[in-house]
N, C-alpha and C. Protein backbone atom coordinates (compact mmCIF):
# COMPACT_ATOMS: atom_id res chain seq x y z
N MET A 1 109.50 101.61 130.88
CA MET A 1 110.30 102.77 130.56
C MET A 1 110.31 103.69 131.78
N LYS A 2 111.47 104.13 132.13
CA LYS A 2 111.62 105.01 133.28
C LYS A 2 110.92 106.35 133.01
N GLN A 3 110.32 106.89 134.05
CA GLN A 3 109.63 108.17 133.94
C GLN A 3 110.45 109.24 134.64
N TYR A 4 110.44 110.42 134.11
CA TYR A 4 111.17 111.57 134.66
C TYR A 4 110.17 112.69 134.87
N LYS A 5 110.51 113.60 135.72
CA LYS A 5 109.67 114.77 135.95
C LYS A 5 110.56 116.01 135.96
N PHE A 6 110.58 116.69 134.82
CA PHE A 6 111.33 117.92 134.69
C PHE A 6 110.34 119.05 134.37
N SER A 7 110.71 120.26 134.72
CA SER A 7 109.86 121.42 134.42
C SER A 7 109.99 121.72 132.90
N VAL A 8 109.08 122.54 132.39
CA VAL A 8 109.09 122.92 130.99
C VAL A 8 110.41 123.60 130.64
N GLU A 9 110.89 124.46 131.50
CA GLU A 9 112.16 125.17 131.26
C GLU A 9 113.34 124.18 131.26
N GLU A 10 113.34 123.23 132.19
CA GLU A 10 114.40 122.23 132.23
C GLU A 10 114.39 121.38 130.96
N ILE A 11 113.21 121.02 130.50
CA ILE A 11 113.07 120.19 129.29
C ILE A 11 113.61 120.93 128.08
N LYS A 12 113.32 122.23 127.95
CA LYS A 12 113.86 123.01 126.83
C LYS A 12 115.37 123.00 126.84
N LYS A 13 115.95 123.17 128.03
CA LYS A 13 117.40 123.18 128.17
C LYS A 13 117.99 121.80 127.86
N LEU A 14 117.37 120.76 128.37
CA LEU A 14 117.86 119.41 128.16
C LEU A 14 117.85 118.99 126.70
N THR A 15 116.74 119.29 126.00
CA THR A 15 116.65 118.87 124.60
C THR A 15 117.70 119.57 123.74
N LYS A 16 118.11 120.76 124.11
CA LYS A 16 119.14 121.46 123.36
C LYS A 16 120.53 120.84 123.59
N GLN A 17 120.66 120.10 124.66
CA GLN A 17 121.96 119.46 124.98
C GLN A 17 122.00 117.98 124.62
N MET A 18 120.94 117.52 123.97
CA MET A 18 120.84 116.13 123.54
C MET A 18 122.03 115.77 122.64
N ILE A 19 122.52 114.55 122.78
CA ILE A 19 123.59 114.04 121.92
C ILE A 19 123.03 112.87 121.11
N VAL A 20 123.06 113.00 119.81
CA VAL A 20 122.60 111.92 118.93
C VAL A 20 123.70 110.88 118.86
N LEU A 21 123.32 109.62 119.08
CA LEU A 21 124.27 108.52 118.98
C LEU A 21 124.09 107.83 117.64
N ILE A 22 125.18 107.57 116.97
CA ILE A 22 125.18 106.95 115.65
C ILE A 22 125.96 105.64 115.72
N ASP A 23 125.35 104.58 115.28
CA ASP A 23 126.00 103.28 115.34
C ASP A 23 127.28 103.32 114.50
N THR A 24 128.33 102.70 115.03
CA THR A 24 129.64 102.71 114.36
C THR A 24 129.61 102.02 113.00
N ARG A 25 128.61 101.18 112.75
CA ARG A 25 128.51 100.48 111.46
C ARG A 25 127.73 101.28 110.42
N GLU A 26 127.18 102.42 110.82
CA GLU A 26 126.39 103.26 109.90
C GLU A 26 127.34 103.89 108.87
N LYS A 27 127.01 103.72 107.62
CA LYS A 27 127.86 104.21 106.51
C LYS A 27 127.08 105.17 105.62
N ARG A 28 127.80 105.90 104.80
CA ARG A 28 127.22 106.79 103.80
C ARG A 28 126.16 107.73 104.38
N ASN A 29 126.50 108.38 105.47
CA ASN A 29 125.53 109.28 106.11
C ASN A 29 126.07 110.71 106.19
N GLU A 30 126.92 111.08 105.25
CA GLU A 30 127.52 112.40 105.25
C GLU A 30 126.46 113.51 105.23
N HIS A 31 125.36 113.28 104.52
CA HIS A 31 124.29 114.26 104.43
C HIS A 31 123.65 114.53 105.81
N ILE A 32 123.60 113.51 106.62
CA ILE A 32 123.04 113.63 107.97
C ILE A 32 124.03 114.37 108.88
N LEU A 33 125.29 113.96 108.81
CA LEU A 33 126.32 114.61 109.62
C LEU A 33 126.48 116.06 109.25
N SER A 34 126.37 116.38 107.98
CA SER A 34 126.43 117.76 107.49
C SER A 34 125.29 118.59 108.08
N TYR A 35 124.09 118.03 108.10
CA TYR A 35 122.95 118.73 108.70
C TYR A 35 123.22 118.98 110.20
N PHE A 36 123.67 117.96 110.90
CA PHE A 36 123.96 118.11 112.33
C PHE A 36 125.00 119.20 112.55
N ASP A 37 126.06 119.18 111.74
CA ASP A 37 127.12 120.20 111.88
C ASP A 37 126.57 121.61 111.65
N LYS A 38 125.80 121.78 110.59
CA LYS A 38 125.21 123.10 110.28
C LYS A 38 124.27 123.59 111.37
N GLN A 39 123.55 122.67 111.99
CA GLN A 39 122.58 123.05 113.02
C GLN A 39 123.17 123.08 114.41
N GLY A 40 124.44 122.71 114.56
CA GLY A 40 125.08 122.70 115.89
C GLY A 40 124.59 121.56 116.76
N ILE A 41 124.16 120.46 116.14
CA ILE A 41 123.64 119.31 116.88
C ILE A 41 124.83 118.39 117.22
N THR A 42 124.98 118.11 118.48
CA THR A 42 126.06 117.25 118.94
C THR A 42 125.75 115.81 118.63
N TYR A 43 126.74 115.06 118.14
CA TYR A 43 126.57 113.64 117.85
C TYR A 43 127.88 112.94 118.12
N ARG A 44 127.80 111.65 118.29
CA ARG A 44 128.99 110.83 118.39
C ARG A 44 128.69 109.40 117.96
N LYS A 45 129.76 108.74 117.49
CA LYS A 45 129.60 107.35 117.06
C LYS A 45 129.83 106.44 118.24
N GLU A 46 128.99 105.41 118.32
CA GLU A 46 129.05 104.47 119.42
C GLU A 46 128.41 103.18 118.92
N LYS A 47 128.90 102.05 119.40
CA LYS A 47 128.30 100.78 118.98
C LYS A 47 126.93 100.65 119.65
N LEU A 48 125.92 100.47 118.79
CA LEU A 48 124.56 100.28 119.28
C LEU A 48 124.17 98.82 119.06
N ASP A 49 123.43 98.26 120.00
CA ASP A 49 123.01 96.85 119.88
C ASP A 49 121.97 96.65 118.80
N PHE A 50 121.20 97.70 118.53
CA PHE A 50 120.18 97.65 117.49
C PHE A 50 119.88 99.08 117.08
N GLY A 51 119.43 99.23 115.85
CA GLY A 51 119.14 100.56 115.32
C GLY A 51 120.41 101.27 114.87
N ASP A 52 120.24 102.31 114.09
CA ASP A 52 121.36 103.10 113.61
C ASP A 52 121.54 104.39 114.37
N TYR A 53 120.47 104.90 114.97
CA TYR A 53 120.48 106.17 115.69
C TYR A 53 119.64 106.09 116.96
N THR A 54 120.11 106.75 117.99
CA THR A 54 119.36 107.00 119.21
C THR A 54 119.93 108.25 119.84
N PHE A 55 119.71 108.48 121.11
CA PHE A 55 120.27 109.67 121.73
C PHE A 55 120.47 109.49 123.22
N LEU A 56 121.17 110.45 123.81
CA LEU A 56 121.34 110.49 125.25
C LEU A 56 121.31 111.94 125.70
N LEU A 57 121.06 112.10 126.97
CA LEU A 57 121.16 113.41 127.63
C LEU A 57 122.40 113.31 128.52
N PRO A 58 123.36 114.22 128.33
CA PRO A 58 124.61 114.10 129.09
C PRO A 58 124.47 114.47 130.56
N SER A 59 125.32 113.87 131.39
CA SER A 59 125.25 114.11 132.83
C SER A 59 125.40 115.59 133.18
N ALA A 60 126.19 116.33 132.37
CA ALA A 60 126.35 117.74 132.66
C ALA A 60 125.03 118.50 132.56
N ALA A 61 124.13 117.99 131.76
CA ALA A 61 122.82 118.62 131.60
C ALA A 61 121.82 118.15 132.63
N THR A 62 121.89 116.87 132.97
CA THR A 62 120.86 116.26 133.84
C THR A 62 121.18 116.38 135.32
N GLY A 63 122.46 116.43 135.65
CA GLY A 63 122.86 116.44 137.06
C GLY A 63 122.67 115.09 137.72
N GLN A 64 122.36 114.07 136.94
CA GLN A 64 122.16 112.71 137.51
C GLN A 64 122.77 111.63 136.66
N GLY A 65 123.85 111.94 135.97
CA GLY A 65 124.49 110.96 135.10
C GLY A 65 123.86 110.98 133.71
N ASP A 66 124.58 110.37 132.77
CA ASP A 66 124.06 110.30 131.41
C ASP A 66 122.75 109.52 131.40
N ILE A 67 121.78 110.00 130.66
CA ILE A 67 120.52 109.27 130.50
C ILE A 67 120.47 108.81 129.04
N TYR A 68 120.61 107.49 128.87
CA TYR A 68 120.60 106.89 127.54
C TYR A 68 119.15 106.48 127.17
N PHE A 69 118.82 106.60 125.90
CA PHE A 69 117.51 106.24 125.43
C PHE A 69 117.55 105.13 124.39
N HIS A 70 118.66 104.39 124.36
CA HIS A 70 118.84 103.32 123.37
C HIS A 70 117.85 102.17 123.56
N ASP A 71 117.30 102.03 124.76
CA ASP A 71 116.29 101.01 124.98
C ASP A 71 114.88 101.55 124.89
N SER A 72 114.77 102.84 124.59
CA SER A 72 113.45 103.51 124.50
C SER A 72 113.06 103.86 123.09
N ILE A 73 114.02 104.28 122.28
CA ILE A 73 113.72 104.70 120.90
C ILE A 73 114.96 104.55 120.02
N VAL A 74 114.76 104.00 118.83
CA VAL A 74 115.83 103.89 117.85
C VAL A 74 115.25 104.16 116.47
N ILE A 75 116.17 104.61 115.60
CA ILE A 75 115.80 104.77 114.19
C ILE A 75 116.74 103.92 113.37
N GLU A 76 116.18 103.05 112.58
CA GLU A 76 116.94 102.24 111.64
C GLU A 76 116.83 102.93 110.28
N ARG A 77 117.96 103.28 109.68
CA ARG A 77 117.94 104.00 108.40
C ARG A 77 118.28 103.07 107.26
N LYS A 78 117.52 103.17 106.18
CA LYS A 78 117.83 102.47 104.93
C LYS A 78 117.98 103.56 103.88
N ALA A 79 119.12 103.54 103.17
CA ALA A 79 119.45 104.58 102.23
C ALA A 79 118.67 104.49 100.91
N SER A 80 117.99 103.38 100.72
CA SER A 80 117.23 103.22 99.45
C SER A 80 116.27 102.03 99.59
N LEU A 81 115.38 101.95 98.62
CA LEU A 81 114.48 100.78 98.57
C LEU A 81 115.27 99.53 98.24
N GLU A 82 116.35 99.68 97.48
CA GLU A 82 117.19 98.52 97.17
C GLU A 82 117.80 97.95 98.44
N GLU A 83 118.31 98.82 99.28
CA GLU A 83 118.89 98.36 100.56
C GLU A 83 117.84 97.68 101.43
N LEU A 84 116.68 98.30 101.51
CA LEU A 84 115.58 97.71 102.31
C LEU A 84 115.15 96.38 101.73
N SER A 85 115.03 96.30 100.44
CA SER A 85 114.67 95.06 99.77
C SER A 85 115.66 93.95 100.13
N GLY A 86 116.94 94.26 100.08
CA GLY A 86 117.97 93.28 100.44
C GLY A 86 117.83 92.80 101.87
N ASN A 87 117.50 93.73 102.77
CA ASN A 87 117.32 93.33 104.17
C ASN A 87 116.08 92.48 104.38
N LEU A 88 115.04 92.73 103.62
CA LEU A 88 113.80 91.96 103.75
C LEU A 88 113.87 90.62 103.05
N ALA A 89 114.80 90.48 102.11
CA ALA A 89 114.91 89.23 101.33
C ALA A 89 116.20 88.47 101.74
N GLN A 90 117.33 88.87 101.19
CA GLN A 90 118.58 88.13 101.38
C GLN A 90 119.10 88.15 102.80
N LYS A 91 118.94 89.26 103.53
CA LYS A 91 119.48 89.39 104.89
C LYS A 91 118.37 89.40 105.95
N ARG A 92 117.29 88.74 105.64
CA ARG A 92 116.10 88.78 106.49
C ARG A 92 116.34 88.30 107.92
N GLN A 93 117.06 87.19 108.05
CA GLN A 93 117.29 86.61 109.39
C GLN A 93 118.04 87.59 110.29
N GLN A 94 119.09 88.21 109.76
CA GLN A 94 119.89 89.18 110.51
C GLN A 94 119.05 90.42 110.83
N PHE A 95 118.31 90.88 109.84
CA PHE A 95 117.45 92.07 110.02
C PHE A 95 116.40 91.81 111.08
N GLU A 96 115.79 90.66 111.03
CA GLU A 96 114.77 90.29 111.99
C GLU A 96 115.35 90.17 113.40
N ALA A 97 116.52 89.63 113.54
CA ALA A 97 117.17 89.49 114.85
C ALA A 97 117.37 90.87 115.50
N GLU A 98 117.79 91.84 114.68
CA GLU A 98 117.98 93.20 115.20
C GLU A 98 116.67 93.83 115.68
N PHE A 99 115.61 93.64 114.90
CA PHE A 99 114.29 94.19 115.27
C PHE A 99 113.72 93.46 116.50
N LEU A 100 114.01 92.15 116.62
CA LEU A 100 113.59 91.40 117.79
C LEU A 100 114.26 91.94 119.06
N LYS A 101 115.55 92.24 118.98
CA LYS A 101 116.28 92.81 120.11
C LYS A 101 115.64 94.13 120.53
N ALA A 102 115.35 94.97 119.56
CA ALA A 102 114.74 96.27 119.86
C ALA A 102 113.37 96.10 120.50
N ARG A 103 112.55 95.24 119.90
CA ARG A 103 111.21 95.02 120.44
C ARG A 103 111.26 94.44 121.86
N ASN A 104 112.15 93.48 122.07
CA ASN A 104 112.29 92.84 123.39
C ASN A 104 112.82 93.80 124.45
N ALA A 105 113.56 94.81 124.01
CA ALA A 105 114.05 95.85 124.94
C ALA A 105 112.97 96.86 125.25
N GLY A 106 111.87 96.82 124.48
CA GLY A 106 110.78 97.77 124.69
C GLY A 106 110.98 99.07 123.93
N ALA A 107 111.90 99.08 122.97
CA ALA A 107 112.19 100.32 122.23
C ALA A 107 111.14 100.59 121.15
N LYS A 108 110.81 101.86 121.02
CA LYS A 108 109.99 102.31 119.88
C LYS A 108 110.92 102.34 118.69
N ILE A 109 110.50 101.71 117.59
CA ILE A 109 111.36 101.56 116.42
C ILE A 109 110.81 102.34 115.24
N TYR A 110 111.62 103.19 114.68
CA TYR A 110 111.30 103.88 113.43
C TYR A 110 112.17 103.27 112.34
N LEU A 111 111.57 102.98 111.20
CA LEU A 111 112.30 102.54 110.04
C LEU A 111 112.24 103.70 109.05
N MET A 112 113.36 104.43 108.92
CA MET A 112 113.43 105.58 108.02
C MET A 112 114.03 105.14 106.71
N VAL A 113 113.24 105.24 105.65
CA VAL A 113 113.69 104.82 104.32
C VAL A 113 113.85 106.07 103.46
N GLU A 114 115.06 106.26 102.95
CA GLU A 114 115.34 107.44 102.14
C GLU A 114 114.90 107.17 100.69
N ASP A 115 113.63 107.36 100.49
CA ASP A 115 113.01 107.25 99.16
C ASP A 115 111.78 108.12 99.19
N VAL A 116 111.83 109.20 98.46
CA VAL A 116 110.75 110.18 98.49
C VAL A 116 109.44 109.61 97.94
N GLY A 117 109.53 108.61 97.07
CA GLY A 117 108.33 108.02 96.49
C GLY A 117 107.59 107.06 97.41
N GLY A 118 108.31 106.46 98.31
CA GLY A 118 107.71 105.58 99.30
C GLY A 118 106.89 104.44 98.70
N TYR A 119 105.64 104.35 99.16
CA TYR A 119 104.76 103.26 98.72
C TYR A 119 104.52 103.33 97.19
N THR A 120 104.47 104.51 96.65
CA THR A 120 104.29 104.65 95.20
C THR A 120 105.45 103.97 94.46
N SER A 121 106.64 104.19 94.94
CA SER A 121 107.82 103.56 94.32
C SER A 121 107.75 102.04 94.42
N ILE A 122 107.28 101.55 95.57
CA ILE A 122 107.16 100.09 95.73
C ILE A 122 106.10 99.54 94.78
N ILE A 123 104.92 100.13 94.78
CA ILE A 123 103.81 99.63 93.96
C ILE A 123 104.17 99.68 92.47
N ASN A 124 104.88 100.70 92.06
CA ASN A 124 105.29 100.85 90.65
C ASN A 124 106.59 100.15 90.31
N HIS A 125 107.12 99.39 91.24
CA HIS A 125 108.40 98.68 91.09
C HIS A 125 109.50 99.63 90.57
N ALA A 126 109.55 100.82 91.20
CA ALA A 126 110.55 101.83 90.85
C ALA A 126 111.80 101.65 91.74
N TYR A 127 112.32 100.46 91.75
CA TYR A 127 113.51 100.09 92.49
C TYR A 127 114.17 98.96 91.72
N ASN A 128 115.45 98.75 91.94
CA ASN A 128 116.22 97.85 91.12
C ASN A 128 116.56 96.55 91.86
N THR A 129 115.51 95.77 92.18
CA THR A 129 115.73 94.43 92.74
C THR A 129 114.66 93.51 92.14
N GLN A 130 114.84 92.21 92.37
CA GLN A 130 113.89 91.23 91.84
C GLN A 130 112.66 91.05 92.75
N LEU A 131 112.66 91.62 93.94
CA LEU A 131 111.53 91.50 94.87
C LEU A 131 110.32 92.17 94.22
N THR A 132 109.24 91.41 94.07
CA THR A 132 108.05 91.96 93.43
C THR A 132 107.38 92.98 94.35
N PRO A 133 106.62 93.89 93.78
CA PRO A 133 105.89 94.87 94.63
C PRO A 133 105.00 94.18 95.68
N VAL A 134 104.34 93.10 95.31
CA VAL A 134 103.45 92.41 96.25
C VAL A 134 104.28 91.82 97.40
N SER A 135 105.40 91.18 97.09
CA SER A 135 106.25 90.60 98.13
C SER A 135 106.89 91.69 98.99
N PHE A 136 107.29 92.78 98.35
CA PHE A 136 107.90 93.90 99.07
C PHE A 136 106.88 94.46 100.07
N MET A 137 105.69 94.74 99.59
CA MET A 137 104.64 95.31 100.44
C MET A 137 104.27 94.33 101.55
N SER A 138 104.15 93.06 101.22
CA SER A 138 103.81 92.03 102.23
C SER A 138 104.85 92.00 103.33
N SER A 139 106.10 92.00 102.95
CA SER A 139 107.18 91.98 103.95
C SER A 139 107.16 93.24 104.81
N LEU A 140 107.00 94.38 104.19
CA LEU A 140 107.01 95.64 104.91
C LEU A 140 105.84 95.74 105.88
N LYS A 141 104.66 95.34 105.45
CA LYS A 141 103.47 95.39 106.32
C LYS A 141 103.58 94.36 107.45
N THR A 142 104.18 93.21 107.13
CA THR A 142 104.44 92.21 108.19
C THR A 142 105.39 92.79 109.23
N TRP A 143 106.42 93.48 108.78
CA TRP A 143 107.40 94.09 109.66
C TRP A 143 106.72 95.11 110.60
N GLU A 144 105.87 95.92 110.04
CA GLU A 144 105.14 96.90 110.85
C GLU A 144 104.33 96.22 111.94
N SER A 145 103.62 95.16 111.55
CA SER A 145 102.76 94.46 112.51
C SER A 145 103.58 93.68 113.53
N ARG A 146 104.55 92.95 113.07
CA ARG A 146 105.32 92.06 113.94
C ARG A 146 106.15 92.84 114.98
N PHE A 147 106.73 93.95 114.54
CA PHE A 147 107.65 94.68 115.41
C PHE A 147 107.11 96.02 115.89
N GLY A 148 105.91 96.37 115.45
CA GLY A 148 105.35 97.65 115.89
C GLY A 148 106.18 98.84 115.41
N CYS A 149 106.87 98.68 114.31
CA CYS A 149 107.72 99.75 113.84
C CYS A 149 106.92 100.76 113.02
N ASN A 150 107.43 101.95 113.03
CA ASN A 150 106.83 103.07 112.31
C ASN A 150 107.67 103.31 111.07
N VAL A 151 107.14 103.05 109.88
CA VAL A 151 107.88 103.21 108.65
C VAL A 151 107.68 104.62 108.14
N GLN A 152 108.76 105.30 107.86
CA GLN A 152 108.74 106.66 107.35
C GLN A 152 109.58 106.75 106.08
N PHE A 153 108.96 107.15 104.97
CA PHE A 153 109.69 107.41 103.74
C PHE A 153 110.02 108.88 103.71
N ILE A 154 111.25 109.20 103.39
CA ILE A 154 111.68 110.60 103.47
C ILE A 154 112.70 110.91 102.38
N ASP A 155 112.69 112.13 101.90
CA ASP A 155 113.71 112.61 101.00
C ASP A 155 115.00 112.70 101.82
N SER A 156 116.08 112.17 101.31
CA SER A 156 117.34 112.10 102.09
C SER A 156 117.84 113.47 102.57
N GLN A 157 117.47 114.54 101.86
CA GLN A 157 117.90 115.86 102.30
C GLN A 157 117.28 116.26 103.64
N TYR A 158 116.21 115.58 104.05
CA TYR A 158 115.54 115.89 105.31
C TYR A 158 115.79 114.85 106.40
N SER A 159 116.68 113.91 106.15
CA SER A 159 116.94 112.83 107.11
C SER A 159 117.45 113.34 108.44
N GLY A 160 118.40 114.24 108.40
CA GLY A 160 118.94 114.82 109.64
C GLY A 160 117.86 115.51 110.46
N TYR A 161 117.03 116.29 109.78
CA TYR A 161 115.92 116.96 110.45
C TYR A 161 114.96 115.95 111.06
N PHE A 162 114.63 114.92 110.31
CA PHE A 162 113.72 113.90 110.80
C PHE A 162 114.27 113.22 112.06
N LEU A 163 115.55 112.85 112.00
CA LEU A 163 116.19 112.19 113.15
C LEU A 163 116.12 113.09 114.40
N TYR A 164 116.59 114.30 114.23
CA TYR A 164 116.66 115.21 115.39
C TYR A 164 115.29 115.57 115.93
N SER A 165 114.35 115.85 115.06
CA SER A 165 113.01 116.24 115.54
C SER A 165 112.30 115.06 116.19
N THR A 166 112.47 113.85 115.66
CA THR A 166 111.88 112.65 116.27
C THR A 166 112.38 112.48 117.68
N PHE A 167 113.69 112.57 117.85
CA PHE A 167 114.28 112.40 119.20
C PHE A 167 113.90 113.56 120.12
N SER A 168 113.90 114.73 119.59
CA SER A 168 113.60 115.92 120.41
C SER A 168 112.19 115.86 120.98
N TYR A 169 111.22 115.53 120.14
CA TYR A 169 109.83 115.48 120.62
C TYR A 169 109.59 114.26 121.52
N PHE A 170 110.24 113.16 121.22
CA PHE A 170 110.17 112.00 122.11
C PHE A 170 110.71 112.38 123.48
N CYS A 171 111.86 113.02 123.50
CA CYS A 171 112.51 113.46 124.74
C CYS A 171 111.60 114.38 125.53
N ARG A 172 110.99 115.31 124.88
CA ARG A 172 110.10 116.26 125.57
C ARG A 172 108.95 115.52 126.24
N GLU A 173 108.40 114.55 125.55
CA GLU A 173 107.25 113.81 126.11
C GLU A 173 107.63 112.92 127.28
N ILE A 174 108.77 112.28 127.19
CA ILE A 174 109.19 111.34 128.25
C ILE A 174 109.68 112.07 129.50
N LEU A 175 110.16 113.30 129.33
CA LEU A 175 110.68 114.04 130.49
C LEU A 175 109.60 114.78 131.27
N LYS A 176 108.37 114.86 130.74
CA LYS A 176 107.31 115.59 131.42
C LYS A 176 106.93 114.95 132.72
């Protein structure tokens, strides 16, 4: 991963000019876009090779061309445990291929699941699929180990905040 050296003041300025990139295939994310609009967070849709969200620092802010972070950090969003279950069971090969691309690129991967109950919901089978809690947990823990991904369960009303703050703090650390 490329290293940068910016001053504290430059980093504050740069993170405010960050542009969140949203994969063109990402659907049903109006709650996230609404949060970005209300907070004045710039975003744009762009085809991403893996993940649903990443970010860039625009050339106008950096003075050295756009700095893309799509190979450094991505967030894959699942709107529900049902969607995640489908990816881990029926669409596993496709899901795995995407995570392999991210891992091979050296990207830090976050798996953001919009389910406030998280592991409790899985253990109590509080989702509407045939995947058993044991199989669900086995697959999820295997995913964490195999791809080094960070699984975050979150209430969907905080998804936009989670996305932006994750990228913002990552950006601050990498620019130091």
